[in-house]
Protein backbone atom coordinates (compact mmCIF):
# COMPACT_ATOMS: atom_id res chain seq x y z
CA MET A 1 67.14 -129.03 80.89
CA LYS A 2 65.82 -128.33 84.35
CA ILE A 3 68.09 -126.32 86.63
CA LYS A 4 68.14 -129.08 89.28
CA LEU A 5 69.30 -131.63 86.70
CA LYS A 6 72.00 -129.22 85.50
CA ILE A 7 73.25 -128.79 89.06
CA TYR A 8 73.32 -132.55 89.64
CA LEU A 9 75.07 -133.14 86.33
CA LEU A 10 77.65 -130.41 86.93
CA SER A 11 78.35 -131.67 90.46
CA TYR A 12 78.70 -135.25 89.16
CA ILE A 13 81.09 -134.13 86.42
CA VAL A 14 83.23 -132.24 88.95
CA PHE A 15 83.10 -135.22 91.36
CA SER A 16 84.06 -137.58 88.51
CA ILE A 17 86.97 -135.48 87.32
CA LEU A 18 88.22 -135.08 90.88
CA MET A 19 88.02 -138.78 91.75
CA ILE A 20 89.46 -140.00 88.44
CA THR A 21 92.33 -137.51 88.72
CA LEU A 22 93.02 -138.52 92.32
CA GLY A 23 92.97 -142.18 91.31
CA TYR A 24 95.42 -141.52 88.52
CA PHE A 25 97.90 -139.43 90.51
CA TYR A 26 97.72 -141.32 93.81
CA THR A 27 98.30 -144.73 92.27
CA LYS A 28 101.82 -145.83 91.54
CA ASP A 29 102.63 -147.81 88.43
CA SER A 30 102.34 -151.44 89.44
CA GLY A 31 104.95 -152.57 86.95
CA LEU A 32 102.59 -155.43 86.18
CA GLN A 33 102.34 -156.43 82.57
CA VAL A 34 98.75 -157.39 81.99
CA ASN A 35 98.25 -159.97 79.27
CA PHE A 36 95.04 -159.22 77.43
CA HIS A 37 93.24 -161.95 75.59
CA LYS A 38 90.33 -161.85 73.19
CA LEU A 39 87.04 -161.66 75.05
CA HIS A 40 83.84 -163.38 73.95
CA LEU A 41 80.10 -163.18 74.53
CA LYS A 42 80.34 -165.23 77.75
CA ASP A 43 82.78 -162.58 79.03
CA ALA A 44 80.21 -159.89 78.23
CA ALA A 45 77.67 -161.81 80.32
CA LEU A 46 80.12 -161.99 83.24
CA ILE A 47 80.98 -158.29 82.91
CA PHE A 48 77.28 -157.40 82.81
CA GLY A 49 76.55 -159.60 85.83
CA PHE A 50 79.36 -158.07 87.87
CA ASN A 51 78.45 -154.49 86.93
CA TYR A 52 74.72 -155.07 87.45
CA SER A 53 75.21 -156.60 90.89
CA GLN A 54 77.49 -153.69 91.82
CA ILE A 55 74.84 -151.17 90.75
CA LEU A 56 72.11 -153.03 92.64
CA ILE A 57 74.26 -152.85 95.77
CA TRP A 58 74.68 -149.11 95.20
CA LEU A 59 70.91 -148.72 94.85
CA LEU A 60 70.23 -150.79 97.96
CA LEU A 61 72.71 -148.71 99.97
CA SER A 62 71.49 -145.39 98.59
CA PRO A 63 68.91 -144.74 101.35
CA ILE A 64 71.79 -144.42 103.81
CA LEU A 65 73.90 -142.52 101.25
CA LEU A 66 76.56 -145.23 101.02
CA SER A 67 76.14 -145.26 97.26
CA LEU A 68 78.03 -141.95 97.08
CA PRO A 69 81.36 -143.24 98.47
CA LEU A 70 80.94 -146.40 96.37
CA ILE A 71 80.48 -144.28 93.25
CA GLY A 72 83.55 -142.31 94.35
CA LYS A 73 85.56 -145.52 94.67
CA PHE A 74 84.39 -146.61 91.22
CA LEU A 75 85.51 -143.28 89.74
CA PHE A 76 88.81 -143.51 91.63
CA SER A 77 89.37 -146.96 90.11
CA ILE A 78 88.94 -145.49 86.63
CA GLY A 79 91.87 -143.23 87.45
CA GLU A 80 93.89 -146.17 88.76
CA GLY A 81 93.41 -148.24 85.60
CA PRO A 82 96.41 -147.15 83.53
CA GLN A 83 98.76 -147.37 86.52
CA LEU A 84 97.58 -150.79 87.66
CA THR A 85 97.76 -152.28 84.17
CA SER A 86 100.95 -150.45 83.09
CA ILE A 87 99.18 -149.31 79.94
CA ASP A 88 99.79 -145.85 78.52
CA ALA A 89 97.03 -143.56 79.81
CA HIS A 90 96.07 -142.38 76.32
CA THR A 91 95.69 -145.95 75.09
CA TYR A 92 93.82 -147.00 78.23
CA TYR A 93 91.30 -144.18 78.21
CA LEU A 94 90.74 -144.11 74.45
CA SER A 95 90.17 -147.87 74.42
CA SER A 96 87.90 -147.69 77.46
CA LEU A 97 85.88 -144.75 76.18
CA THR A 98 83.20 -146.85 74.49
CA HIS A 99 82.16 -148.87 77.52
CA GLY A 100 83.31 -146.34 80.11
CA LEU A 101 80.85 -143.68 79.02
CA GLY A 102 77.94 -146.03 79.67
CA GLU A 103 79.28 -146.86 83.10
CA LEU A 104 79.73 -143.17 83.89
CA VAL A 105 76.12 -142.51 82.85
CA VAL A 106 74.92 -145.31 85.12
CA GLY A 107 76.98 -143.82 87.95
CA PHE A 108 75.21 -140.51 87.33
CA LEU A 109 71.79 -142.18 87.40
CA VAL A 110 72.53 -143.70 90.81
CA TYR A 111 74.03 -140.39 92.01
CA TYR A 112 70.89 -138.55 90.90
CA PHE A 113 68.62 -141.19 92.44
CA THR A 114 70.50 -141.04 95.75
CA ILE A 115 70.13 -137.27 96.05
CA GLU A 116 66.48 -137.31 94.97
CA GLN A 117 65.80 -140.08 97.46
CA LEU A 118 67.41 -138.07 100.27
CA LEU A 119 65.24 -135.07 99.38
CA ALA A 120 62.12 -137.27 99.22
CA TRP A 121 62.88 -138.70 102.67
CA ILE A 122 63.46 -135.20 104.09
CA HIS A 123 60.11 -134.17 102.61
CA PHE A 124 58.47 -137.23 104.18
CA PHE A 125 59.92 -136.55 107.64
CA ARG A 126 58.83 -132.91 107.47
CA THR A 127 55.32 -133.47 106.13
CA ARG A 128 54.52 -137.18 106.68
CA ASP A 129 53.48 -137.18 103.01
CA ASN A 130 54.99 -140.20 101.28
CA THR A 131 53.81 -139.27 97.77
CA LYS A 132 57.27 -138.17 96.59
CA LEU A 133 58.87 -141.37 97.87
CA LYS A 134 56.25 -143.55 96.16
CA GLU A 135 56.63 -141.65 92.90
CA LEU A 136 60.42 -141.86 93.04
CA TYR A 137 60.50 -145.60 93.73
CA LEU A 138 57.83 -146.35 91.13
CA TYR A 139 59.65 -144.23 88.53
CA SER A 140 62.91 -146.00 89.41
CA LEU A 141 61.36 -149.44 89.02
CA LYS A 142 59.62 -148.61 85.75
CA LYS A 143 62.20 -146.37 84.07
CA VAL A 144 65.58 -146.05 85.81
CA ILE A 145 66.39 -149.71 86.52
CA PRO A 146 65.40 -150.84 83.00
CA LEU A 147 67.49 -147.99 81.54
CA ILE A 148 70.45 -148.98 83.72
CA THR A 149 70.04 -152.58 82.57
CA ILE A 150 70.07 -151.59 78.89
CA ILE A 151 73.09 -149.31 79.33
CA LEU A 152 75.03 -152.00 81.21
CA ILE A 153 74.26 -154.64 78.57
CA PHE A 154 75.39 -152.26 75.84
CA SER A 155 78.51 -151.30 77.84
CA ALA A 156 79.45 -154.94 78.45
CA LEU A 157 79.13 -155.69 74.73
CA CYS A 158 81.20 -152.60 73.89
CA GLU A 159 83.85 -153.67 76.40
CA VAL A 160 84.13 -157.09 74.79
CA TYR A 161 83.80 -156.21 71.11
CA ILE A 162 85.28 -152.69 70.92
CA SER A 163 87.43 -151.85 73.96
CA ASN A 164 89.07 -155.28 74.12
CA THR A 165 89.77 -155.22 70.38
CA LEU A 166 91.39 -151.79 70.71
CA PHE A 167 93.48 -152.92 73.70
CA LEU A 168 94.74 -155.90 71.74
CA LYS A 169 95.49 -153.77 68.73
CA PHE A 170 97.42 -151.08 70.65
CA LYS A 171 99.16 -153.33 73.18
C-alpha cells in the first residue's frame, strides 16, 4: 500500500474513532424506546436513496472542504446511536456492523477524494497545469462513484436483511 494511502487511512481511522467516541460520550440517553419493525426491500431503496444523496452532497461540497465536517457529523452520529435509541451499545454496534462498515468505507472514499482534490487544486494554482484535476475527476466518475454506489446498495441491503433482523432478535 502506498505511503500516502496509509497516512490517509490512519488519519481517517483516528478521526473516526475520535468522532464516534465523542458522539457516544457527549450524547445523553434519550430515554426513548424505539420500536423496531421488520424492514423490506422498499426500505432498502429508501435507505440507499437517502445515503446516496447525502454522499453526493458531500462530493459536491468537497471542493470547499465542507465534506470533512459533514463526514465528522456522520461519524459523531454513529456514536450517538445507542444513546438516542436507548439500545445497549454492544447490541447496537454489533447489529450495525454489517451495514456500518460499508458506510465507513464510503466515508473514507469521500475523505480521500477531498484531500486529493485539495492537493490537485493547489497544484493547479501553482503550475496552471490542470492535468491532475482532470485525472482525479475522470477517475472519480469512472471508478469512485460507481464503487460508492455498489457499496451503498450492498450496505442498504445489509441494513434491511441483516442489521434489522439482529436488532429485532436482540431487542
